Amino acid sequence: MKEIARVMLGKKAVSNVVSAVILTGVVIALSLAVFSWSESRAQDYSSEYGDTVDAETAKLKEKLAFEYVYYACTGDLSVYLLNYGTIDDIEVKTVYVYDSGGALCCAPFVGPHLYAFQSWEEISTLDRGEEGRLVLELSASLLNGYYNVRVVTERGATFDTNFVVTCTD
């Protein structure tokens, strides 16, 4: 009986059990915290991935055709565009004009005015099948030669075309 009482009331046996229970509780609590954190990060990454895929898909659906590029020897450059892609709301963000050597001819046109095809009505975006034009006032007149126009959309798609300047005095 004394031995049973000693085992039941002995501090060594109780301290081992208590320490094992505390250690098990700490391990379970930490594993739940790590699992919760990793689940949260996985959801964040999944959401970011989905947003990135959607944005890249929208960018790939953008298709702009250059119908006509006209340079008036007074310094105005008219660029006629057609949205033949499968997405609406194409917004022109920046337009660059390069010479045949690849050097910029003037400062980039950020947020240029976009007009309806045959009017001076300003529009903000091109929908599917819609035509529009950009009228750019170049700071310096272009010499006779080959030039390149690059249009960059709000989604980041780029479109290039070439044109020839032949001004006579």
N, C-alpha and C. Protein backbone atom coordinates (compact mmCIF):
# COMPACT_ATOMS: atom_id res chain seq x y z
N MET A 1 0.81 -1.18 0.00
CA MET A 1 0.00 0.00 0.00
C MET A 1 0.86 1.26 0.00
N LYS A 2 1.93 1.17 0.74
CA LYS A 2 2.82 2.32 0.81
C LYS A 2 3.41 2.61 -0.55
N GLU A 3 3.67 1.58 -1.28
CA GLU A 3 4.26 1.79 -2.61
C GLU A 3 3.25 2.43 -3.55
N ILE A 4 2.00 2.00 -3.46
CA ILE A 4 0.95 2.60 -4.32
C ILE A 4 0.76 4.06 -3.93
N ALA A 5 0.73 4.35 -2.67
CA ALA A 5 0.56 5.74 -2.22
C ALA A 5 1.77 6.57 -2.66
N ARG A 6 2.94 5.99 -2.58
CA ARG A 6 4.15 6.72 -2.99
C ARG A 6 4.12 7.03 -4.50
N VAL A 7 3.65 6.08 -5.33
CA VAL A 7 3.55 6.31 -6.77
C VAL A 7 2.48 7.34 -7.07
N MET A 8 1.34 7.24 -6.35
CA MET A 8 0.24 8.17 -6.61
C MET A 8 0.59 9.58 -6.14
N LEU A 9 1.28 9.68 -5.07
CA LEU A 9 1.59 11.00 -4.52
C LEU A 9 3.00 11.46 -4.85
N GLY A 10 3.76 10.61 -5.52
CA GLY A 10 5.14 10.96 -5.86
C GLY A 10 5.19 12.08 -6.90
N LYS A 11 6.03 13.04 -6.67
CA LYS A 11 6.11 14.20 -7.54
C LYS A 11 6.80 13.88 -8.86
N LYS A 12 7.67 12.89 -8.89
CA LYS A 12 8.37 12.56 -10.13
C LYS A 12 7.40 12.07 -11.19
N ALA A 13 6.50 11.20 -10.87
CA ALA A 13 5.56 10.65 -11.85
C ALA A 13 4.61 11.74 -12.34
N VAL A 14 4.12 12.58 -11.46
CA VAL A 14 3.20 13.64 -11.82
C VAL A 14 3.90 14.67 -12.70
N SER A 15 5.11 15.04 -12.36
CA SER A 15 5.82 16.06 -13.15
C SER A 15 6.11 15.55 -14.56
N ASN A 16 6.38 14.26 -14.72
CA ASN A 16 6.58 13.70 -16.06
C ASN A 16 5.30 13.76 -16.88
N VAL A 17 4.18 13.42 -16.27
CA VAL A 17 2.90 13.45 -16.98
C VAL A 17 2.52 14.88 -17.33
N VAL A 18 2.67 15.78 -16.39
CA VAL A 18 2.31 17.18 -16.63
C VAL A 18 3.19 17.77 -17.73
N SER A 19 4.48 17.51 -17.69
CA SER A 19 5.38 18.04 -18.72
C SER A 19 5.05 17.44 -20.09
N ALA A 20 4.67 16.18 -20.15
CA ALA A 20 4.29 15.56 -21.42
C ALA A 20 3.00 16.19 -21.95
N VAL A 21 2.04 16.46 -21.08
CA VAL A 21 0.77 17.08 -21.50
C VAL A 21 1.04 18.51 -21.98
N ILE A 22 1.85 19.26 -21.26
CA ILE A 22 2.16 20.64 -21.66
C ILE A 22 2.90 20.64 -22.99
N LEU A 23 3.88 19.77 -23.15
CA LEU A 23 4.64 19.70 -24.39
C LEU A 23 3.73 19.31 -25.56
N THR A 24 2.83 18.36 -25.35
CA THR A 24 1.89 17.97 -26.40
C THR A 24 0.98 19.14 -26.76
N GLY A 25 0.49 19.87 -25.78
CA GLY A 25 -0.37 21.03 -26.03
C GLY A 25 0.36 22.12 -26.81
N VAL A 26 1.62 22.37 -26.46
CA VAL A 26 2.41 23.39 -27.17
C VAL A 26 2.63 22.95 -28.62
N VAL A 27 2.96 21.71 -28.84
CA VAL A 27 3.19 21.21 -30.20
C VAL A 27 1.91 21.31 -31.02
N ILE A 28 0.77 20.96 -30.46
CA ILE A 28 -0.51 21.04 -31.18
C ILE A 28 -0.84 22.50 -31.49
N ALA A 29 -0.66 23.38 -30.50
CA ALA A 29 -0.97 24.80 -30.72
C ALA A 29 -0.06 25.39 -31.81
N LEU A 30 1.23 25.08 -31.76
CA LEU A 30 2.15 25.59 -32.78
C LEU A 30 1.83 25.02 -34.16
N SER A 31 1.48 23.75 -34.22
CA SER A 31 1.16 23.16 -35.53
C SER A 31 -0.11 23.78 -36.10
N LEU A 32 -1.10 24.07 -35.26
CA LEU A 32 -2.31 24.74 -35.74
C LEU A 32 -1.99 26.17 -36.21
N ALA A 33 -1.12 26.85 -35.51
CA ALA A 33 -0.75 28.21 -35.92
C ALA A 33 -0.01 28.19 -37.25
N VAL A 34 0.92 27.25 -37.42
CA VAL A 34 1.66 27.15 -38.69
C VAL A 34 0.73 26.74 -39.82
N PHE A 35 -0.18 25.81 -39.56
CA PHE A 35 -1.14 25.41 -40.58
C PHE A 35 -2.03 26.58 -40.99
N SER A 36 -2.51 27.32 -40.01
CA SER A 36 -3.36 28.48 -40.31
C SER A 36 -2.61 29.52 -41.12
N TRP A 37 -1.37 29.81 -40.77
CA TRP A 37 -0.56 30.78 -41.51
C TRP A 37 -0.30 30.30 -42.93
N SER A 38 0.06 29.02 -43.09
CA SER A 38 0.34 28.51 -44.43
C SER A 38 -0.92 28.49 -45.29
N GLU A 39 -2.06 28.19 -44.70
CA GLU A 39 -3.33 28.22 -45.45
C GLU A 39 -3.64 29.65 -45.91
N SER A 40 -3.40 30.62 -45.04
CA SER A 40 -3.63 32.02 -45.39
C SER A 40 -2.71 32.45 -46.53
N ARG A 41 -1.44 32.10 -46.46
CA ARG A 41 -0.48 32.46 -47.51
C ARG A 41 -0.84 31.77 -48.82
N ALA A 42 -1.30 30.52 -48.77
CA ALA A 42 -1.68 29.81 -49.98
C ALA A 42 -2.88 30.49 -50.65
N GLN A 43 -3.83 30.96 -49.86
CA GLN A 43 -4.97 31.68 -50.43
C GLN A 43 -4.52 33.00 -51.05
N ASP A 44 -3.62 33.71 -50.38
CA ASP A 44 -3.10 34.97 -50.94
C ASP A 44 -2.39 34.73 -52.26
N TYR A 45 -1.52 33.72 -52.30
CA TYR A 45 -0.80 33.42 -53.53
C TYR A 45 -1.75 32.99 -54.64
N SER A 46 -2.75 32.21 -54.29
CA SER A 46 -3.73 31.77 -55.28
C SER A 46 -4.50 32.96 -55.85
N SER A 47 -4.88 33.89 -54.99
CA SER A 47 -5.60 35.09 -55.43
C SER A 47 -4.71 35.95 -56.32
N GLU A 48 -3.45 36.17 -55.92
CA GLU A 48 -2.51 36.96 -56.72
C GLU A 48 -2.27 36.30 -58.08
N TYR A 49 -2.13 34.99 -58.07
CA TYR A 49 -1.92 34.26 -59.32
C TYR A 49 -3.12 34.42 -60.25
N GLY A 50 -4.31 34.29 -59.69
CA GLY A 50 -5.53 34.45 -60.50
C GLY A 50 -5.63 35.85 -61.09
N ASP A 51 -5.31 36.86 -60.29
CA ASP A 51 -5.34 38.24 -60.79
C ASP A 51 -4.32 38.44 -61.89
N THR A 52 -3.13 37.89 -61.72
CA THR A 52 -2.08 38.02 -62.73
C THR A 52 -2.47 37.33 -64.03
N VAL A 53 -3.02 36.14 -63.91
CA VAL A 53 -3.45 35.40 -65.11
C VAL A 53 -4.56 36.17 -65.83
N ASP A 54 -5.52 36.71 -65.07
CA ASP A 54 -6.59 37.50 -65.69
C ASP A 54 -6.04 38.73 -66.41
N ALA A 55 -5.10 39.43 -65.78
CA ALA A 55 -4.51 40.62 -66.41
C ALA A 55 -3.73 40.27 -67.66
N GLU A 56 -2.96 39.19 -67.62
CA GLU A 56 -2.18 38.79 -68.79
C GLU A 56 -3.09 38.29 -69.92
N THR A 57 -4.17 37.62 -69.56
CA THR A 57 -5.12 37.16 -70.57
C THR A 57 -5.79 38.36 -71.24
N ALA A 58 -6.17 39.35 -70.45
CA ALA A 58 -6.78 40.56 -71.02
C ALA A 58 -5.80 41.27 -71.94
N LYS A 59 -4.53 41.30 -71.54
CA LYS A 59 -3.50 41.93 -72.38
C LYS A 59 -3.34 41.19 -73.70
N LEU A 60 -3.41 39.88 -73.67
CA LEU A 60 -3.29 39.09 -74.90
C LEU A 60 -4.50 39.26 -75.81
N LYS A 61 -5.65 39.59 -75.25
CA LYS A 61 -6.85 39.77 -76.06
C LYS A 61 -6.87 41.12 -76.77
N GLU A 62 -5.98 42.02 -76.35
CA GLU A 62 -5.93 43.33 -77.00
C GLU A 62 -5.26 43.21 -78.37
N LYS A 63 -5.92 43.74 -79.38
CA LYS A 63 -5.37 43.75 -80.74
C LYS A 63 -5.70 45.11 -81.35
N LEU A 64 -4.67 45.85 -81.70
CA LEU A 64 -4.85 47.13 -82.38
C LEU A 64 -4.22 47.05 -83.76
N ALA A 65 -4.95 47.52 -84.74
CA ALA A 65 -4.42 47.60 -86.11
C ALA A 65 -4.23 49.07 -86.43
N PHE A 66 -3.11 49.37 -87.06
CA PHE A 66 -2.86 50.72 -87.55
C PHE A 66 -3.47 50.80 -88.94
N GLU A 67 -4.52 51.58 -89.08
CA GLU A 67 -5.16 51.71 -90.38
C GLU A 67 -4.41 52.70 -91.27
N TYR A 68 -3.90 53.74 -90.64
CA TYR A 68 -3.24 54.77 -91.43
C TYR A 68 -2.43 55.66 -90.49
N VAL A 69 -1.24 56.04 -90.92
CA VAL A 69 -0.43 57.00 -90.18
C VAL A 69 -0.09 58.12 -91.15
N TYR A 70 -0.43 59.34 -90.75
CA TYR A 70 -0.23 60.48 -91.64
C TYR A 70 0.54 61.57 -90.90
N TYR A 71 1.64 62.01 -91.50
CA TYR A 71 2.42 63.10 -90.94
C TYR A 71 2.23 64.34 -91.80
N ALA A 72 1.66 65.37 -91.22
CA ALA A 72 1.53 66.65 -91.92
C ALA A 72 2.84 67.40 -91.69
N CYS A 73 3.38 67.95 -92.70
CA CYS A 73 4.69 68.60 -92.61
C CYS A 73 4.70 69.79 -91.66
N THR A 74 3.54 70.15 -91.14
CA THR A 74 3.46 71.21 -90.13
C THR A 74 3.82 70.70 -88.74
N GLY A 75 3.93 69.37 -88.56
CA GLY A 75 4.32 68.80 -87.27
C GLY A 75 3.28 67.95 -86.61
N ASP A 76 2.09 67.80 -87.22
CA ASP A 76 1.05 66.95 -86.63
C ASP A 76 1.14 65.54 -87.19
N LEU A 77 1.04 64.57 -86.29
CA LEU A 77 1.06 63.16 -86.67
C LEU A 77 -0.30 62.57 -86.31
N SER A 78 -1.00 62.03 -87.29
CA SER A 78 -2.30 61.40 -87.05
C SER A 78 -2.13 59.89 -87.18
N VAL A 79 -2.59 59.18 -86.17
CA VAL A 79 -2.49 57.72 -86.14
C VAL A 79 -3.91 57.17 -86.02
N TYR A 80 -4.35 56.44 -87.03
CA TYR A 80 -5.69 55.86 -87.07
C TYR A 80 -5.60 54.41 -86.61
N LEU A 81 -6.43 54.05 -85.61
CA LEU A 81 -6.38 52.73 -84.99
C LEU A 81 -7.72 52.03 -85.09
N LEU A 82 -7.67 50.69 -85.10
CA LEU A 82 -8.86 49.85 -85.07
C LEU A 82 -8.65 48.77 -84.02
N ASN A 83 -9.62 48.63 -83.13
CA ASN A 83 -9.59 47.55 -82.14
C ASN A 83 -10.23 46.32 -82.78
N TYR A 84 -9.41 45.35 -83.17
CA TYR A 84 -9.95 44.12 -83.74
C TYR A 84 -9.78 42.94 -82.79
N GLY A 85 -9.50 43.24 -81.53
CA GLY A 85 -9.35 42.19 -80.53
C GLY A 85 -10.67 41.71 -79.98
N THR A 86 -10.60 40.90 -78.94
CA THR A 86 -11.80 40.32 -78.35
C THR A 86 -12.10 40.91 -76.99
N ILE A 87 -11.60 42.12 -76.74
CA ILE A 87 -11.83 42.76 -75.44
C ILE A 87 -12.15 44.23 -75.66
N ASP A 88 -13.02 44.76 -74.82
CA ASP A 88 -13.40 46.16 -74.88
C ASP A 88 -12.46 47.01 -74.02
N ASP A 89 -12.67 48.30 -74.08
CA ASP A 89 -11.99 49.27 -73.22
C ASP A 89 -10.47 49.27 -73.37
N ILE A 90 -10.00 49.36 -74.59
CA ILE A 90 -8.57 49.54 -74.79
C ILE A 90 -8.27 51.02 -74.64
N GLU A 91 -7.42 51.33 -73.69
CA GLU A 91 -7.05 52.71 -73.40
C GLU A 91 -5.58 52.92 -73.76
N VAL A 92 -5.32 53.93 -74.56
CA VAL A 92 -3.95 54.23 -74.96
C VAL A 92 -3.27 54.99 -73.83
N LYS A 93 -2.15 54.45 -73.37
CA LYS A 93 -1.43 55.05 -72.24
C LYS A 93 -0.30 55.95 -72.73
N THR A 94 0.54 55.45 -73.64
CA THR A 94 1.71 56.19 -74.09
C THR A 94 1.95 55.92 -75.56
N VAL A 95 2.45 56.94 -76.27
CA VAL A 95 2.82 56.80 -77.68
C VAL A 95 4.26 57.31 -77.82
N TYR A 96 5.07 56.50 -78.50
CA TYR A 96 6.47 56.85 -78.77
C TYR A 96 6.67 56.99 -80.27
N VAL A 97 7.52 57.93 -80.67
CA VAL A 97 7.88 58.09 -82.08
C VAL A 97 9.40 57.97 -82.17
N TYR A 98 9.86 56.98 -82.95
CA TYR A 98 11.29 56.71 -83.11
C TYR A 98 11.72 56.98 -84.55
N ASP A 99 12.98 57.32 -84.70
CA ASP A 99 13.52 57.42 -86.06
C ASP A 99 14.03 56.06 -86.50
N SER A 100 14.55 55.96 -87.71
CA SER A 100 14.98 54.66 -88.24
C SER A 100 16.15 54.07 -87.45
N GLY A 101 16.88 54.89 -86.72
CA GLY A 101 17.98 54.39 -85.89
C GLY A 101 17.55 53.94 -84.52
N GLY A 102 16.27 54.10 -84.18
CA GLY A 102 15.76 53.66 -82.88
C GLY A 102 15.81 54.73 -81.81
N ALA A 103 16.17 55.97 -82.16
CA ALA A 103 16.22 57.05 -81.18
C ALA A 103 14.86 57.76 -81.12
N LEU A 104 14.49 58.17 -79.93
CA LEU A 104 13.23 58.91 -79.77
C LEU A 104 13.32 60.25 -80.50
N CYS A 105 12.28 60.58 -81.25
CA CYS A 105 12.24 61.84 -81.98
C CYS A 105 11.76 62.99 -81.10
N CYS A 106 10.96 62.67 -80.10
CA CYS A 106 10.42 63.69 -79.20
C CYS A 106 10.05 63.00 -77.89
N ALA A 107 9.61 63.78 -76.94
CA ALA A 107 9.20 63.20 -75.66
C ALA A 107 8.00 62.29 -75.87
N PRO A 108 7.89 61.22 -75.10
CA PRO A 108 6.73 60.32 -75.23
C PRO A 108 5.43 61.07 -74.93
N PHE A 109 4.38 60.68 -75.62
CA PHE A 109 3.06 61.26 -75.40
C PHE A 109 2.34 60.40 -74.37
N VAL A 110 2.21 60.91 -73.16
CA VAL A 110 1.57 60.17 -72.08
C VAL A 110 0.11 60.59 -72.00
N GLY A 111 -0.78 59.62 -72.06
CA GLY A 111 -2.21 59.90 -72.02
C GLY A 111 -2.68 60.77 -73.17
N PRO A 112 -2.33 60.40 -74.40
CA PRO A 112 -2.72 61.25 -75.54
C PRO A 112 -4.24 61.25 -75.74
N HIS A 113 -4.72 62.30 -76.37
CA HIS A 113 -6.15 62.41 -76.65
C HIS A 113 -6.53 61.44 -77.77
N LEU A 114 -7.57 60.68 -77.54
CA LEU A 114 -8.09 59.73 -78.51
C LEU A 114 -9.42 60.27 -79.00
N TYR A 115 -9.56 60.35 -80.32
CA TYR A 115 -10.78 60.91 -80.91
C TYR A 115 -11.51 59.82 -81.68
N ALA A 116 -12.83 60.03 -81.81
CA ALA A 116 -13.63 59.15 -82.64
C ALA A 116 -13.10 59.24 -84.07
N PHE A 117 -13.39 58.22 -84.87
CA PHE A 117 -12.75 58.05 -86.17
C PHE A 117 -12.80 59.29 -87.06
N GLN A 118 -13.97 59.83 -87.33
CA GLN A 118 -14.06 60.96 -88.25
C GLN A 118 -14.70 62.17 -87.60
N SER A 119 -14.38 62.42 -86.34
CA SER A 119 -14.89 63.61 -85.67
C SER A 119 -13.87 64.05 -84.62
N TRP A 120 -14.14 65.17 -84.02
CA TRP A 120 -13.27 65.66 -82.95
C TRP A 120 -13.85 65.33 -81.59
N GLU A 121 -14.78 64.38 -81.56
CA GLU A 121 -15.34 63.94 -80.28
C GLU A 121 -14.29 63.09 -79.56
N GLU A 122 -13.92 63.53 -78.37
CA GLU A 122 -12.90 62.80 -77.63
C GLU A 122 -13.52 61.58 -76.95
N ILE A 123 -12.85 60.45 -77.09
CA ILE A 123 -13.29 59.22 -76.45
C ILE A 123 -12.15 58.73 -75.55
N SER A 124 -12.48 57.92 -74.57
CA SER A 124 -11.44 57.48 -73.63
C SER A 124 -10.90 56.10 -73.97
N THR A 125 -11.73 55.25 -74.59
CA THR A 125 -11.31 53.88 -74.89
C THR A 125 -11.85 53.45 -76.25
N LEU A 126 -11.28 52.37 -76.75
CA LEU A 126 -11.78 51.74 -77.98
C LEU A 126 -12.42 50.40 -77.62
N ASP A 127 -13.66 50.23 -78.03
CA ASP A 127 -14.32 48.94 -77.83
C ASP A 127 -14.09 48.06 -79.05
N ARG A 128 -14.52 46.82 -78.98
CA ARG A 128 -14.34 45.88 -80.09
C ARG A 128 -14.95 46.44 -81.37
N GLY A 129 -14.15 46.41 -82.44
CA GLY A 129 -14.62 46.87 -83.73
C GLY A 129 -14.64 48.38 -83.90
N GLU A 130 -14.26 49.12 -82.89
CA GLU A 130 -14.31 50.57 -82.94
C GLU A 130 -13.01 51.15 -83.48
N GLU A 131 -13.15 52.25 -84.22
CA GLU A 131 -12.00 52.94 -84.79
C GLU A 131 -11.81 54.26 -84.05
N GLY A 132 -10.57 54.68 -83.98
CA GLY A 132 -10.26 55.95 -83.35
C GLY A 132 -8.98 56.50 -83.93
N ARG A 133 -8.65 57.73 -83.52
CA ARG A 133 -7.41 58.32 -84.03
C ARG A 133 -6.75 59.14 -82.94
N LEU A 134 -5.46 59.15 -83.02
CA LEU A 134 -4.64 59.97 -82.15
C LEU A 134 -4.07 61.10 -83.00
N VAL A 135 -4.11 62.31 -82.49
CA VAL A 135 -3.49 63.44 -83.18
C VAL A 135 -2.40 63.95 -82.25
N LEU A 136 -1.16 63.79 -82.68
CA LEU A 136 0.00 64.14 -81.85
C LEU A 136 0.71 65.35 -82.45
N GLU A 137 0.94 66.35 -81.63
CA GLU A 137 1.68 67.53 -82.08
C GLU A 137 3.13 67.32 -81.71
N LEU A 138 3.97 67.06 -82.71
CA LEU A 138 5.38 66.82 -82.46
C LEU A 138 6.09 68.13 -82.16
N SER A 139 7.01 68.08 -81.22
CA SER A 139 7.72 69.30 -80.83
C SER A 139 8.74 69.71 -81.89
N ALA A 140 9.24 68.77 -82.65
CA ALA A 140 10.20 69.07 -83.72
C ALA A 140 9.68 68.46 -85.01
N SER A 141 9.90 69.14 -86.12
CA SER A 141 9.44 68.58 -87.38
C SER A 141 10.37 67.45 -87.80
N LEU A 142 9.79 66.47 -88.45
CA LEU A 142 10.54 65.29 -88.87
C LEU A 142 11.14 65.52 -90.25
N LEU A 143 12.33 65.02 -90.42
CA LEU A 143 12.99 65.07 -91.72
C LEU A 143 12.49 63.92 -92.58
N ASN A 144 12.72 64.00 -93.87
CA ASN A 144 12.33 62.90 -94.75
C ASN A 144 13.03 61.62 -94.30
N GLY A 145 12.28 60.54 -94.24
CA GLY A 145 12.87 59.27 -93.83
C GLY A 145 11.83 58.33 -93.25
N TYR A 146 12.33 57.24 -92.66
CA TYR A 146 11.48 56.21 -92.08
C TYR A 146 11.38 56.43 -90.57
N TYR A 147 10.20 56.21 -90.04
CA TYR A 147 9.95 56.39 -88.61
C TYR A 147 9.08 55.25 -88.10
N ASN A 148 9.06 55.10 -86.78
CA ASN A 148 8.30 54.05 -86.12
C ASN A 148 7.42 54.68 -85.05
N VAL A 149 6.18 54.20 -84.96
CA VAL A 149 5.26 54.62 -83.90
C VAL A 149 4.99 53.40 -83.03
N ARG A 150 5.12 53.58 -81.72
CA ARG A 150 4.80 52.51 -80.76
C ARG A 150 3.69 53.00 -79.85
N VAL A 151 2.59 52.25 -79.81
CA VAL A 151 1.45 52.56 -78.94
C VAL A 151 1.45 51.54 -77.80
N VAL A 152 1.40 52.04 -76.57
CA VAL A 152 1.36 51.18 -75.38
C VAL A 152 0.01 51.41 -74.72
N THR A 153 -0.70 50.31 -74.42
CA THR A 153 -2.02 50.41 -73.80
C THR A 153 -1.90 50.40 -72.28
N GLU A 154 -3.00 50.68 -71.64
CA GLU A 154 -3.05 50.71 -70.18
C GLU A 154 -2.72 49.34 -69.59
N ARG A 155 -3.07 48.27 -70.28
CA ARG A 155 -2.79 46.92 -69.79
C ARG A 155 -1.35 46.49 -70.07
N GLY A 156 -0.61 47.28 -70.86
CA GLY A 156 0.79 46.98 -71.12
C GLY A 156 1.09 46.36 -72.46
N ALA A 157 0.10 46.18 -73.31
CA ALA A 157 0.34 45.62 -74.65
C ALA A 157 0.97 46.71 -75.52
N THR A 158 1.89 46.31 -76.41
CA THR A 158 2.54 47.27 -77.30
C THR A 158 2.26 46.91 -78.74
N PHE A 159 2.10 47.95 -79.56
CA PHE A 159 1.82 47.79 -80.98
C PHE A 159 2.70 48.77 -81.74
N ASP A 160 3.33 48.30 -82.81
CA ASP A 160 4.27 49.11 -83.59
C ASP A 160 3.88 49.15 -85.05
N THR A 161 4.22 50.26 -85.69
CA THR A 161 4.10 50.37 -87.13
C THR A 161 5.13 51.37 -87.62
N ASN A 162 5.37 51.31 -88.92
CA ASN A 162 6.32 52.23 -89.55
C ASN A 162 5.58 53.19 -90.45
N PHE A 163 6.18 54.35 -90.69
CA PHE A 163 5.64 55.28 -91.66
C PHE A 163 6.79 56.05 -92.29
N VAL A 164 6.51 56.66 -93.42
CA VAL A 164 7.54 57.37 -94.18
C VAL A 164 7.14 58.84 -94.24
N VAL A 165 8.13 59.70 -94.02
CA VAL A 165 7.91 61.14 -94.15
C VAL A 165 8.56 61.60 -95.44
N THR A 166 7.76 62.27 -96.27
CA THR A 166 8.27 62.86 -97.52
C THR A 166 7.70 64.27 -97.64
N CYS A 167 8.38 65.19 -97.05
CA CYS A 167 7.97 66.59 -97.12
C CYS A 167 8.79 67.31 -98.17
N THR A 168 8.12 68.11 -98.99
CA THR A 168 8.83 68.90 -99.99
C THR A 168 8.69 70.37 -99.62
N ASP A 169 9.71 71.12 -99.89
CA ASP A 169 9.69 72.54 -99.53
C ASP A 169 8.93 73.35 -100.49
